[in-house]
Protein backbone atom coordinates (compact mmCIF):
# COMPACT_ATOMS: atom_id res chain seq x y z
CA UNK A 1 12.52 4.82 8.93
CA UNK A 2 9.71 6.51 10.88
CA UNK A 3 6.50 6.93 8.85
CA UNK A 4 3.11 8.40 9.69
CA UNK A 5 0.51 5.65 9.94
CA UNK A 6 -1.65 6.96 7.11
CA UNK A 7 0.15 6.65 3.78
CA UNK A 8 -0.87 7.27 0.19
CA UNK A 9 -1.39 4.52 -2.41
CA UNK A 10 -0.44 5.75 -5.88
CA UNK A 11 -2.33 3.13 -7.92
CA UNK A 12 -5.16 5.50 -8.92
CA UNK A 13 -2.96 8.10 -10.64
CA UNK A 14 -3.06 5.99 -13.82
CA UNK A 15 -5.69 5.36 -16.50
CA UNK A 16 -8.79 3.16 -16.32
CA UNK A 17 -8.04 -0.42 -15.35
CA UNK A 18 -4.71 0.83 -13.86
CA UNK A 19 -3.59 1.05 -17.48
CA UNK A 20 -1.97 3.93 -19.35
CA UNK A 21 -1.77 7.62 -18.55
CA UNK A 22 -4.20 9.35 -16.17
CA UNK A 23 -6.96 11.56 -17.61
CA UNK A 24 -5.30 14.54 -15.88
CA UNK A 25 -1.50 14.25 -15.55
CA UNK A 26 -1.00 17.63 -13.88
CA UNK A 27 -3.86 16.85 -11.49
CA UNK A 28 -2.15 13.56 -10.53
CA UNK A 29 1.08 15.42 -9.74
CA UNK A 30 -0.87 17.95 -7.66
CA UNK A 31 -2.30 15.09 -5.56
CA UNK A 32 1.22 13.73 -4.91
CA UNK A 33 2.56 17.14 -3.91
CA UNK A 34 -0.46 17.85 -1.71
CA UNK A 35 -0.06 14.49 0.07
CA UNK A 36 3.48 15.47 1.10
CA UNK A 37 2.29 18.98 2.14
CA UNK A 38 -0.31 17.33 4.39
CA UNK A 39 2.44 15.37 6.17
CA UNK A 40 2.00 12.03 4.36
CA UNK A 41 5.52 10.58 4.25
CA UNK A 42 4.84 7.04 3.00
CA UNK A 43 3.90 6.71 -0.68
CA UNK A 44 3.26 3.25 -2.11
CA UNK A 45 3.45 2.41 -5.81
CA UNK A 46 4.42 -0.47 -8.15
CA UNK A 47 6.13 -0.82 -11.51
CA UNK A 48 2.95 -2.49 -12.82
CA UNK A 49 0.71 0.54 -12.13
CA UNK A 50 0.31 1.88 -15.64
CA UNK A 51 2.63 -0.04 -16.13
CA UNK A 52 5.47 2.39 -15.29
CA UNK A 53 3.16 5.45 -15.19
CA UNK A 54 2.72 5.76 -11.40
CA UNK A 55 6.45 5.49 -10.66
CA UNK A 56 7.33 7.97 -13.40
CA UNK A 57 4.81 10.56 -12.15
CA UNK A 58 6.11 10.22 -8.56
CA UNK A 59 9.67 10.81 -9.82
CA UNK A 60 8.60 13.84 -11.86
CA UNK A 61 6.44 15.36 -9.09
CA UNK A 62 8.51 14.72 -5.98
CA UNK A 63 12.19 14.02 -6.77
CA UNK A 64 14.50 15.07 -5.20
CA UNK A 65 12.47 13.76 -2.27
CA UNK A 66 11.91 15.90 0.83
CA UNK A 67 13.70 14.60 3.93
CA UNK A 68 11.79 11.79 5.63
CA UNK A 69 9.60 10.88 2.63
CA UNK A 70 9.61 7.10 2.08
CA UNK A 71 8.75 5.74 -1.37
CA UNK A 72 7.73 2.08 -1.48
CA UNK A 73 7.42 0.18 -4.75
CA UNK A 74 6.68 -3.37 -5.88
CA UNK A 75 7.63 -5.72 -8.72
CA UNK A 76 6.64 -9.23 -9.73
CA UNK A 77 3.35 -8.61 -11.57
CA UNK A 78 3.35 -8.13 -15.35
CA UNK A 79 0.62 -6.45 -17.39
CA UNK A 80 -1.18 -7.71 -20.48
CA UNK A 81 -3.83 -4.98 -20.63
CA UNK A 82 -6.35 -3.07 -18.46
CA UNK A 83 -7.12 -4.99 -15.23
CA UNK A 84 -4.88 -7.91 -16.33
CA UNK A 85 -2.04 -9.05 -14.05
CA UNK A 86 0.24 -12.10 -14.17
CA UNK A 87 3.06 -12.94 -11.72
CA UNK A 88 6.65 -13.27 -12.95
CA UNK A 89 9.24 -13.89 -10.24
CA UNK A 90 12.29 -14.89 -12.30
CA UNK A 91 15.43 -13.36 -10.75
CA UNK A 92 16.65 -11.69 -13.97
CA UNK A 93 13.22 -10.07 -14.48
CA UNK A 94 13.06 -8.76 -10.90
CA UNK A 95 16.61 -7.40 -11.18
CA UNK A 96 15.67 -5.52 -14.36
CA UNK A 97 12.55 -4.11 -12.68
CA UNK A 98 14.54 -2.85 -9.68
CA UNK A 99 16.93 -1.02 -12.05
CA UNK A 100 13.98 0.48 -13.97
CA UNK A 101 12.21 1.54 -10.76
CA UNK A 102 15.38 3.34 -9.60
CA UNK A 103 15.48 5.19 -12.92
CA UNK A 104 11.79 6.17 -13.01
CA UNK A 105 11.68 7.18 -9.34
CA UNK A 106 14.91 9.20 -9.81
CA UNK A 107 16.63 7.71 -6.80
CA UNK A 108 19.76 5.69 -6.04
CA UNK A 109 18.10 3.44 -3.48
CA UNK A 110 14.55 2.09 -3.08
CA UNK A 111 13.39 2.71 0.51
CA UNK A 112 11.04 -0.29 0.49
CA UNK A 113 10.85 -2.86 -2.31
CA UNK A 114 8.03 -5.41 -2.15
CA UNK A 115 7.51 -8.67 -4.02
CA UNK A 116 4.09 -7.96 -5.55
CA UNK A 117 3.16 -11.65 -5.79
CA UNK A 118 4.98 -14.93 -5.26
CA UNK A 119 5.27 -16.61 -8.68
CA UNK A 120 4.03 -20.23 -8.32
CA UNK A 121 6.52 -21.24 -11.07
CA UNK A 122 9.57 -19.83 -9.23
CA UNK A 123 10.72 -20.79 -5.69
CA UNK A 124 10.47 -17.70 -3.49
CA UNK A 125 14.07 -18.33 -2.38
CA UNK A 126 15.17 -17.71 -6.00
CA UNK A 127 13.05 -14.57 -6.41
CA UNK A 128 14.38 -13.09 -3.17
CA UNK A 129 17.97 -14.28 -3.64
CA UNK A 130 18.62 -11.63 -6.29
CA UNK A 131 16.83 -9.01 -4.15
CA UNK A 132 19.21 -9.79 -1.27
CA UNK A 133 22.16 -9.19 -3.62
CA UNK A 134 20.70 -5.85 -4.73
CA UNK A 135 20.12 -4.95 -1.08
CA UNK A 136 23.77 -5.74 -0.32
CA UNK A 137 24.75 -3.48 -3.25
CA UNK A 138 22.81 -0.63 -1.59
CA UNK A 139 20.08 -0.42 -4.24
CA UNK A 140 17.31 -1.52 -1.84
CA UNK A 141 16.98 -0.51 1.80
CA UNK A 142 14.08 -2.66 3.10
CA UNK A 143 12.08 -5.58 1.68
CA UNK A 144 8.40 -6.49 1.98
CA UNK A 145 5.86 -8.97 0.59
CA UNK A 146 2.33 -8.74 -0.78
CA UNK A 147 -0.67 -11.14 -0.66
CA UNK A 148 1.03 -13.84 1.42
CA UNK A 149 0.13 -16.27 4.21
CA UNK A 150 2.15 -16.76 7.43
CA UNK A 151 4.03 -19.85 6.17
CA UNK A 152 5.14 -17.89 3.07
CA UNK A 153 6.44 -15.04 5.24
CA UNK A 154 8.38 -17.63 7.29
CA UNK A 155 9.83 -19.04 4.06
CA UNK A 156 10.86 -15.57 2.83
CA UNK A 157 12.44 -14.67 6.19
CA UNK A 158 14.85 -17.60 5.79
CA UNK A 159 16.35 -15.65 2.85
CA UNK A 160 15.96 -11.97 3.77
CA UNK A 161 14.66 -9.69 6.53
CA UNK A 162 10.98 -8.79 5.88
CA UNK A 163 9.76 -5.47 7.29
CA UNK A 164 6.25 -5.22 5.79
CA UNK A 165 3.36 -7.25 4.39
CA UNK A 166 0.70 -5.81 2.10
CA UNK A 167 -2.54 -7.82 1.97
CA UNK A 168 -6.17 -7.03 1.21
CA UNK A 169 -7.89 -6.12 4.47
CA UNK A 170 -10.67 -3.87 5.74
CA UNK A 171 -13.40 -3.92 8.37
CA UNK A 172 -15.66 -6.06 6.16
CA UNK A 173 -12.96 -8.34 4.68
CA UNK A 174 -10.73 -10.01 7.25
CA UNK A 175 -9.66 -13.20 5.58
CA UNK A 176 -6.04 -12.24 6.39
CA UNK A 177 -6.60 -11.87 10.15
CA UNK A 178 -3.97 -14.59 10.72
CA UNK A 179 -1.43 -12.56 8.72
CA UNK A 180 -2.16 -9.41 10.74
CA UNK A 181 -1.64 -11.39 13.96
CA UNK A 182 1.64 -12.78 12.59
CA UNK A 183 2.79 -9.23 11.77
CA UNK A 184 1.89 -8.01 15.26
CA UNK A 185 3.83 -10.87 16.84
CA UNK A 186 6.94 -10.26 14.70
CA UNK A 187 6.75 -6.42 14.64
CA UNK A 188 6.21 -6.30 10.85
CA UNK A 189 4.23 -3.41 9.29
CA UNK A 190 0.86 -4.52 7.89
CA UNK A 191 -0.23 -2.45 4.86
CA UNK A 192 -3.90 -3.12 4.08
CA UNK A 193 -4.79 -2.55 0.45
CA UNK A 194 -8.44 -1.90 -0.42
CA UNK A 195 -8.71 -0.34 3.07
CA UNK A 196 -12.20 1.15 2.76
CA UNK A 197 -15.13 -1.13 3.63
CA UNK A 198 -17.55 -2.02 0.87
CA UNK A 199 -20.82 -3.99 0.67
CA UNK A 200 -23.62 -4.14 3.20
CA UNK A 201 -21.64 -2.68 6.09
CA UNK A 202 -20.88 0.54 4.19
CA UNK A 203 -24.35 1.13 2.70
CA UNK A 204 -26.31 4.32 3.46
CA UNK A 205 -28.23 3.75 6.67
CA UNK A 206 -25.87 0.96 7.75
CA UNK A 207 -23.96 0.93 11.04
CA UNK A 208 -20.83 2.60 9.64
CA UNK A 209 -22.93 5.30 8.03
CA UNK A 210 -24.88 5.88 11.27
CA UNK A 211 -21.75 6.22 13.46
CA UNK A 212 -19.97 8.33 10.80
CA UNK A 213 -22.87 10.84 10.75
CA UNK A 214 -22.71 11.06 14.55
CA UNK A 215 -19.10 12.27 14.23
CA UNK A 216 -19.53 14.43 11.12
CA UNK A 217 -17.33 11.93 9.24
CA UNK A 218 -17.71 9.84 6.08
CA UNK A 219 -17.90 6.05 5.84
CA UNK A 220 -14.46 5.94 4.21
CA UNK A 221 -12.97 8.08 7.01
CA UNK A 222 -14.47 5.74 9.59
CA UNK A 223 -13.13 2.67 7.71
CA UNK A 224 -9.61 4.16 7.86
CA UNK A 225 -10.00 5.20 11.53
CA UNK A 226 -11.07 1.63 12.35
CA UNK A 227 -7.90 0.25 10.75
CA UNK A 228 -5.71 2.63 12.76
CA UNK A 229 -7.61 1.62 15.91
CA UNK A 230 -7.44 -2.10 15.05
CA UNK A 231 -3.66 -2.58 15.33
CA UNK A 232 -0.48 -0.62 16.08
CA UNK A 233 1.30 -2.25 13.09
CA UNK A 234 -1.39 -1.07 10.64
CA UNK A 235 -0.31 1.32 7.84
CA UNK A 236 -3.30 2.06 5.55
CA UNK A 237 -2.55 3.54 2.11
CA UNK A 238 -5.83 4.90 0.70
CA UNK A 239 -5.49 6.01 -2.90
CA UNK A 240 -7.26 8.70 -4.88
CA UNK A 241 -6.73 10.95 -7.90
CA UNK A 242 -8.56 13.88 -6.26
CA UNK A 243 -7.02 16.47 -3.91
CA UNK A 244 -10.37 16.90 -2.08
CA UNK A 245 -10.68 13.16 -1.48
CA UNK A 246 -7.01 12.99 -0.39
CA UNK A 247 -7.61 15.72 2.23
CA UNK A 248 -10.69 13.83 3.47
CA UNK A 249 -8.68 10.59 3.79
CA UNK A 250 -5.86 12.27 5.72
CA UNK A 251 -8.41 13.79 8.12
CA UNK A 252 -9.50 10.23 9.03
CA UNK A 253 -6.49 10.03 11.35
CA UNK A 254 -8.18 12.49 13.72
CA UNK A 255 -11.53 10.63 13.96
CA UNK A 256 -11.87 9.34 17.53
CA UNK A 257 -14.60 6.98 18.75
CA UNK A 258 -15.42 5.61 22.18
CA UNK A 259 -14.81 1.91 22.98
CA UNK A 260 -18.60 1.41 23.04
CA UNK A 261 -18.90 2.81 19.49
CA UNK A 262 -16.08 0.61 18.19
CA UNK A 263 -17.89 -2.37 19.75
CA UNK A 264 -21.13 -1.33 17.97
CA UNK A 265 -19.25 -1.36 14.66
CA UNK A 266 -17.53 -4.68 15.43
CA UNK A 267 -20.86 -6.32 16.28
CA UNK A 268 -22.38 -5.05 13.03
CA UNK A 269 -19.38 -6.30 11.06
CA UNK A 270 -19.84 -9.79 12.48
């Protein structure tokens, strides 16, 4: 499935703490529709966003899906309240969540299903065994993982083909550099969540800010452009609940810097 390398993360179209309904439901649907109008054809969600809210809004706003639009979802994290998340990887639970995702997203097959977290209480072979069965039944097309290390990807690949990995990664937070290298080596898509740099590097007057101003760009646009420059397997999914901010994020794909400027930023990041 060909996808453009700047996707949209649909976590922010829910309430505070990724809990409950958004403040503006119609506004959230407008953002989804505008993303597709702008050529974004990879939309990432999860059953736990809301929970259920993000998937339902995507189904209501976009189904039946325009040709070429890929919807990715995740399961394996349960919710106990705002900003609370606990992994559950029992096969019968994951099977139920796949069925519910199909219903909410108004589709007969999930383009990309991702295990949101490996449950330490359940062997990953068990969690993915049921997913393989559902894939064989035609309910899931491709399978990915989230927040994993290389040895865990190896373990999962013994059971099922893995096409993507979604880990936290940005210019200022590269603790998963080894995972990105693994993905490059094995031609697996790397989906960085929390893609926009934070902290010292992104402060007003900092190196990112200075180079961004030079190009009439924002720090968040430059953060996304850096990710696209960093690796050919990179698929950033910045999220927002604002159409204006969405348009700004999508424009990041056209920010071009010289090698010397990228080196300036790299040196500052170190």
